[in-house]
Protein backbone atom coordinates (compact mmCIF):
# COMPACT_ATOMS: atom_id res chain seq x y z
CA MET A 1 59.14 -52.84 -1.39
CA SER A 2 55.41 -52.20 -0.61
CA ASP A 3 56.39 -49.61 2.30
CA LYS A 4 58.47 -47.79 -0.35
CA TYR A 5 55.58 -47.49 -2.87
CA LEU A 6 53.19 -46.63 -0.14
CA LYS A 7 55.42 -43.85 1.06
CA ARG A 8 55.84 -42.46 -2.60
CA GLY A 9 51.98 -42.64 -2.88
CA TRP A 10 51.39 -40.62 0.17
CA ILE A 11 54.04 -38.05 -1.00
CA TRP A 12 52.25 -37.72 -4.43
CA ILE A 13 48.91 -37.34 -2.70
CA GLY A 14 50.27 -34.90 -0.30
CA ARG A 15 51.77 -32.70 -3.03
CA ARG A 16 48.53 -32.74 -5.11
CA VAL A 17 46.27 -31.91 -1.94
CA GLY A 18 48.62 -29.22 -1.21
CA THR A 19 48.53 -27.85 -4.66
CA TRP A 20 44.54 -28.10 -4.62
CA TYR A 21 44.54 -26.15 -1.44
CA LEU A 22 46.91 -23.54 -2.81
CA LEU A 23 44.79 -23.06 -5.97
CA THR A 24 41.51 -22.96 -3.96
CA PHE A 25 42.94 -20.31 -1.73
CA LEU A 26 44.19 -18.09 -4.74
CA VAL A 27 40.87 -18.48 -6.52
CA SER A 28 39.04 -17.43 -3.39
CA LEU A 29 41.19 -14.41 -2.98
CA LEU A 30 40.56 -13.65 -6.65
CA PHE A 31 36.86 -14.09 -6.13
CA ILE A 32 36.90 -11.87 -3.00
CA ASP A 33 38.67 -9.14 -5.04
CA TYR A 34 36.15 -9.48 -7.83
CA VAL A 35 33.09 -9.36 -5.42
CA GLN A 36 34.59 -6.27 -3.67
CA LEU A 37 35.41 -4.55 -6.99
CA ARG A 38 31.90 -5.42 -8.46
CA ASP A 39 30.26 -4.01 -5.34
CA HIS A 40 32.29 -0.95 -5.47
CA VAL A 41 31.47 -0.30 -9.10
CA ARG A 42 27.74 -0.86 -8.48
CA ALA A 43 27.65 1.36 -5.58
CA LYS A 44 29.37 4.08 -7.58
CA THR A 45 26.94 3.50 -10.44
CA LEU A 46 23.86 3.81 -8.22
CA SER A 47 25.20 6.89 -6.54
CA ARG A 48 25.72 8.42 -9.93
CA LEU A 49 22.25 7.59 -11.19
CA MET A 50 20.58 8.41 -7.95
CA PRO A 51 18.15 11.35 -8.86
CA GLU A 52 19.34 14.68 -7.43
CA SER A 53 15.79 15.21 -6.02
CA PHE A 54 12.65 13.17 -5.36
CA ASP A 55 10.40 16.31 -5.20
CA TYR A 56 8.86 15.55 -8.67
CA LEU A 57 8.20 11.76 -7.64
CA ILE A 58 6.45 12.78 -4.37
CA ASP A 59 4.34 15.57 -5.95
CA PHE A 60 3.36 13.28 -8.79
CA ALA A 61 2.26 10.61 -6.36
CA GLN A 62 0.11 13.18 -4.54
CA ASN A 63 -1.49 14.22 -7.78
CA LYS A 64 0.35 17.69 -7.49
CA ARG A 65 2.14 17.61 -10.64
CA GLU A 66 1.26 16.64 -14.28
CA LEU A 67 2.88 13.56 -15.90
CA ASP A 68 6.30 14.30 -17.19
CA GLN A 69 7.43 11.09 -18.92
CA GLU A 70 11.17 12.13 -19.12
CA LYS A 71 11.40 12.71 -15.29
CA LEU A 72 9.35 9.56 -14.53
CA GLN A 73 11.67 7.56 -16.77
CA GLN A 74 14.84 8.73 -14.71
CA TYR A 75 13.28 7.35 -11.56
CA GLU A 76 12.34 4.15 -13.49
CA TYR A 77 15.91 3.66 -14.78
CA TYR A 78 17.35 4.16 -11.30
CA TYR A 79 15.21 1.74 -9.50
CA GLU A 80 15.74 -0.83 -12.35
CA LYS A 81 19.38 -0.67 -11.69
CA VAL A 82 18.72 -0.98 -7.87
CA VAL A 83 16.80 -4.24 -8.52
CA ASP A 84 19.74 -5.43 -10.71
CA PHE A 85 22.40 -4.55 -8.29
CA ILE A 86 21.00 -4.97 -4.73
CA PRO A 87 18.92 -7.94 -4.36
CA ILE A 88 18.14 -7.27 -0.63
CA TYR A 89 16.35 -4.07 -1.85
CA ARG A 90 14.33 -5.75 -4.61
CA GLY A 91 11.02 -5.69 -2.74
CA ASP A 92 10.90 -1.97 -2.14
CA ALA A 93 12.36 -1.27 -5.51
CA TYR A 94 9.59 -3.27 -7.41
CA GLU A 95 7.12 -1.32 -5.28
CA ILE A 96 8.30 2.00 -6.80
CA LEU A 97 9.01 0.63 -10.15
CA GLY A 98 5.47 -0.79 -10.40
CA PHE A 99 4.15 2.71 -9.81
CA CYS A 100 6.44 4.32 -12.47
CA HIS A 101 5.83 1.59 -15.04
CA TYR A 102 2.08 1.93 -14.61
CA HIS A 103 2.07 5.74 -15.06
CA LEU A 104 4.26 5.44 -18.11
CA GLY A 105 1.69 3.13 -19.68
CA GLU A 106 3.71 -0.01 -19.26
CA TYR A 107 0.90 -1.95 -17.58
CA ARG A 108 2.22 -5.44 -17.94
CA GLU A 109 5.60 -4.47 -16.42
CA SER A 110 3.70 -2.80 -13.53
CA LEU A 111 1.58 -5.82 -12.77
CA MET A 112 4.65 -8.12 -12.79
CA ASP A 113 6.51 -5.45 -10.40
CA TYR A 114 3.69 -5.66 -7.96
CA ILE A 115 3.43 -9.41 -8.14
CA LYS A 116 7.23 -9.81 -7.43
CA ALA A 117 6.97 -7.04 -4.66
CA SER A 118 4.08 -9.00 -2.97
CA ARG A 119 5.98 -12.17 -3.03
CA ILE A 120 9.20 -10.68 -1.67
CA ASN A 121 7.40 -8.58 1.04
CA PRO A 122 4.08 -10.77 1.62
CA HIS A 123 3.43 -8.85 4.77
CA PHE A 124 3.55 -5.38 3.35
CA PHE A 125 0.18 -3.72 2.53
CA TRP A 126 0.97 -1.60 -0.55
CA PRO A 127 1.91 -4.19 -3.30
CA HIS A 128 -1.29 -6.10 -2.58
CA TYR A 129 -3.39 -2.97 -2.56
CA ASN A 130 -1.87 -1.80 -5.64
CA LEU A 131 -2.37 -5.12 -7.45
CA GLY A 132 -5.98 -4.94 -6.34
CA VAL A 133 -6.53 -1.52 -7.68
CA ILE A 134 -5.09 -2.59 -11.13
CA TYR A 135 -7.20 -5.60 -11.35
CA PHE A 136 -10.30 -3.81 -10.04
CA LYS A 137 -9.92 -1.06 -12.61
CA ARG A 138 -9.55 -3.80 -15.56
CA GLY A 139 -12.60 -5.78 -14.26
CA TYR A 140 -10.73 -8.66 -13.00
CA TYR A 141 -12.78 -8.87 -9.72
CA SER A 142 -11.93 -12.24 -8.61
CA LYS A 143 -8.05 -11.48 -8.66
CA ALA A 144 -8.93 -8.01 -7.13
CA SER A 145 -10.79 -9.50 -4.27
CA SER A 146 -7.79 -11.96 -3.49
CA ALA A 147 -5.33 -9.05 -3.44
CA PHE A 148 -7.62 -6.89 -1.32
CA GLU A 149 -8.07 -9.72 1.18
CA THR A 150 -4.33 -10.16 1.56
CA ALA A 151 -3.89 -6.49 1.88
CA LEU A 152 -6.47 -6.26 4.71
CA ALA A 153 -4.66 -9.28 6.50
CA THR A 154 -1.59 -7.02 7.10
CA LYS A 155 -1.19 -5.03 10.20
CA LEU A 156 -1.33 -1.26 10.20
CA GLU A 157 1.53 -0.81 12.59
CA ASP A 158 3.69 -3.41 10.90
CA ASN A 159 3.37 -1.47 7.56
CA PHE A 160 4.29 1.79 9.03
CA ASP A 161 7.52 0.05 10.67
CA VAL A 162 8.44 -1.26 7.05
CA ILE A 163 8.07 2.06 5.44
CA ASN A 164 10.26 3.78 8.33
CA THR A 165 12.95 1.19 8.09
CA SER A 166 13.26 0.94 4.36
CA LYS A 167 16.64 2.21 2.94
CA LEU A 168 14.95 2.81 -0.26
CA PHE A 169 11.73 4.50 1.09
CA ASN A 170 13.94 6.74 3.62
CA PRO A 171 15.48 9.05 1.10
CA ILE A 172 11.79 9.87 -0.40
CA LEU A 173 10.42 10.27 2.96
CA MET A 174 13.26 12.69 4.15
CA SER A 175 12.71 14.68 1.17
CA SER A 176 9.47 16.19 2.16
CA HIS A 177 8.08 16.52 5.63
CA PRO A 178 4.47 16.76 4.68
CA PHE A 179 4.90 13.53 2.69
CA THR A 180 6.30 11.92 5.80
CA SER A 181 3.59 13.29 8.10
CA ALA A 182 0.85 12.03 5.72
CA THR A 183 2.27 8.51 5.46
CA MET A 184 0.02 7.17 8.18
CA LEU A 185 -3.05 8.94 6.96
CA ARG A 186 -2.68 7.53 3.42
CA LEU A 187 -2.10 4.21 4.81
CA LYS A 188 -5.34 4.30 7.07
CA THR A 189 -7.41 5.80 4.07
CA ALA A 190 -6.18 2.99 1.78
CA TYR A 191 -7.35 0.36 4.38
CA ARG A 192 -10.67 1.74 4.23
CA ASP A 193 -10.68 1.98 0.48
CA SER A 194 -9.64 -1.64 0.40
CA HIS A 195 -12.68 -2.58 2.27
CA VAL A 196 -14.70 -0.57 -0.17
CA LEU A 197 -13.10 -2.16 -3.31
CA LEU A 198 -13.38 -5.68 -1.93
CA ILE A 199 -17.01 -5.27 -1.07
CA LEU A 200 -17.57 -3.95 -4.68
CA SER A 201 -15.57 -6.92 -6.11
CA TYR A 202 -17.90 -9.19 -4.31
CA TYR A 203 -20.92 -7.38 -5.68
CA TYR A 204 -19.70 -7.78 -9.24
CA LEU A 205 -19.13 -11.61 -8.42
CA ASN A 206 -22.56 -11.80 -7.15
CA ASP A 207 -21.04 -13.17 -3.91
CA PHE A 208 -23.54 -11.57 -1.60
CA PRO A 209 -22.75 -13.58 1.45
CA LYS A 210 -19.10 -12.40 1.61
CA MET A 211 -20.20 -8.85 0.50
CA PHE A 212 -22.47 -8.82 3.61
CA GLN A 213 -19.83 -10.23 5.90
CA GLN A 214 -17.24 -7.64 4.68
CA ALA A 215 -19.60 -4.72 5.01
CA SER A 216 -20.64 -5.88 8.48
CA SER A 217 -16.91 -6.02 9.55
CA ALA A 218 -16.22 -2.41 8.24
CA ILE A 219 -19.13 -1.23 10.36
CA ALA A 220 -17.91 -3.05 13.47
CA ALA A 221 -14.44 -1.72 12.94
CA SER A 222 -16.00 2.04 12.77
CA LEU A 223 -14.76 2.50 9.33
CA ASP A 224 -18.13 3.97 8.24
CA GLU A 225 -17.81 7.69 8.03
CA ASP A 226 -20.62 8.34 5.41
CA GLY A 227 -22.85 5.37 5.86
CA ARG A 228 -21.83 3.55 2.65
CA PHE A 229 -21.12 0.33 4.37
CA TYR A 230 -24.85 0.24 5.85
CA TYR A 231 -25.94 0.59 2.12
CA TYR A 232 -23.55 -2.30 1.08
CA ALA A 233 -24.79 -4.48 3.90
CA GLY A 234 -28.43 -3.79 3.10
CA LEU A 235 -27.94 -4.48 -0.62
CA ALA A 236 -26.30 -7.83 0.18
CA ALA A 237 -29.02 -8.70 2.53
CA TYR A 238 -31.61 -7.71 -0.09
CA HIS A 239 -30.12 -10.14 -2.83
CA MET A 240 -29.92 -12.91 -0.06
CA LYS A 241 -33.74 -12.31 0.64
CA ARG A 242 -32.96 -11.35 4.06
CA TYR A 243 -35.41 -8.47 3.90
CA LYS A 244 -35.72 -7.65 7.63
CA GLU A 245 -31.97 -7.04 7.88
CA ALA A 246 -31.99 -5.09 4.60
CA VAL A 247 -34.70 -2.69 5.84
CA TYR A 248 -32.55 -2.14 8.89
CA PHE A 249 -29.39 -1.39 7.09
CA PHE A 250 -31.26 0.83 4.38
CA GLN A 251 -33.12 2.80 6.88
CA THR A 252 -29.78 3.37 8.87
CA TYR A 253 -28.17 4.66 5.60
CA THR A 254 -31.11 6.78 4.44
CA GLY A 255 -31.23 8.31 7.91
CA MET A 256 -27.73 9.56 7.23
CA ASN A 257 -28.17 10.34 3.53
CA THR A 258 -31.19 11.46 1.93
CA ASP A 259 -30.14 11.98 -1.68
CA PHE A 260 -29.36 8.40 -3.10
CA ALA A 261 -32.17 6.95 -5.16
CA ASN A 262 -31.26 3.26 -5.10
CA ALA A 263 -30.99 3.17 -1.25
CA PHE A 264 -34.73 4.35 -1.06
CA TYR A 265 -35.63 2.00 -3.96
CA TYR A 266 -34.24 -1.14 -2.17
CA LEU A 267 -35.63 0.07 1.06
CA GLY A 268 -39.13 0.22 -0.55
CA ILE A 269 -38.96 -3.15 -2.22
CA SER A 270 -37.63 -4.75 0.83
CA LEU A 271 -40.50 -3.21 2.97
CA LYS A 272 -43.00 -4.47 0.23
CA ALA A 273 -41.44 -8.06 0.63
CA LEU A 274 -42.30 -7.69 4.37
CA GLY A 275 -45.89 -6.71 3.62
CA ASN A 276 -45.42 -3.04 4.83
CA GLU A 277 -47.27 -1.39 1.72
CA GLU A 278 -47.53 2.09 3.35
CA LEU A 279 -43.89 2.68 4.17
CA SER A 280 -42.80 0.85 0.96
CA ALA A 281 -44.88 3.39 -1.22
CA LYS A 282 -43.19 6.35 0.55
CA ALA A 283 -39.76 4.97 0.13
CA LEU A 284 -40.51 4.10 -3.63
CA GLY A 285 -41.82 7.50 -4.11
CA ARG A 286 -38.83 9.17 -2.77
CA ALA A 287 -36.73 6.94 -5.17
CA LYS A 288 -38.66 7.88 -8.15
CA LEU A 289 -38.26 11.56 -7.34
CA LEU A 290 -34.52 11.33 -6.79
CA ARG A 291 -33.97 9.43 -9.95
CA LEU A 292 -34.73 12.44 -11.85
CA THR A 293 -31.19 13.64 -10.91
CA ASP A 294 -29.53 10.50 -9.60
CA ARG A 295 -29.15 7.47 -11.79
CA SER A 296 -26.19 5.65 -10.12
CA GLU A 297 -26.70 2.03 -9.50
CA ILE A 298 -24.32 1.55 -6.61
CA LEU A 299 -22.04 3.68 -4.38
CA MET A 300 -18.67 3.59 -6.09
CA ALA A 301 -15.29 4.09 -4.36
CA GLY A 302 -13.92 7.56 -4.81
CA ASP A 303 -11.03 8.33 -7.25
CA VAL A 304 -8.73 5.46 -6.14
CA ASN A 305 -5.38 5.43 -7.55
CA LEU A 306 -2.16 3.65 -7.19
CA GLN A 307 0.18 4.69 -4.24
CA MET A 308 3.88 4.26 -3.90
CA PHE A 309 3.55 3.57 -0.33
């Protein structure tokens, strides 16, 4: 009797297991069909929305065109769909979206785009750099310094590889040969600008030891084309009351540039602190003369703007 019930039980279980497997198989088929259909629709949609040309975006990024909100909004809408439809491209898409949002006056959205891009592609220079530029322009120097520190920790060669292998960046790169050939130059220039903006961030934070260290590193890396890193190093040394080092850096800078009043001023008071009254008077006299035309307090960065990549 027990064997009979046991047999029936196994038959009952077997039928339900078979039914469950059949249902699972059918549902999986439906799901596969749905995924394939969804991906097909998304691909068609993106193909339809892709801008006919990237020329305006390229020219605008290189400051060759005036802002055309309608055109920029078309790129913005396209990359928003890329973010929604193709998760694996989100890092690159957020990078371009941040650029578009910023120039359309959507600063909060731009900031969030770059934060997302920096988290998805933490070893890519540009999102960290652009975050730093935004923070610096708004006076958030602590956040700016953190962003520039991270940007400078990336490797130049690795960044160039990321740009060349990106399926989102490639259509833009292929649209213009000059844009492609200038990519490495822009990257190198932005690395140098990052050093400058990082040093200036430390200056405004009154973090003179870090300012001195960063300026010295830039000099050691042969990034000093106009002598400004010598001035920054001298200024940091002066504020740390390391007057002998300050004199060395200011003298080096003024030997290369003879028209910046503050360099001669700080050279003069550093020499005075060391007891060299004669040379101090000459430097301070030169500073007084130059201040008739030059009233800048510090050597600022040039016209630093956001970059797509």
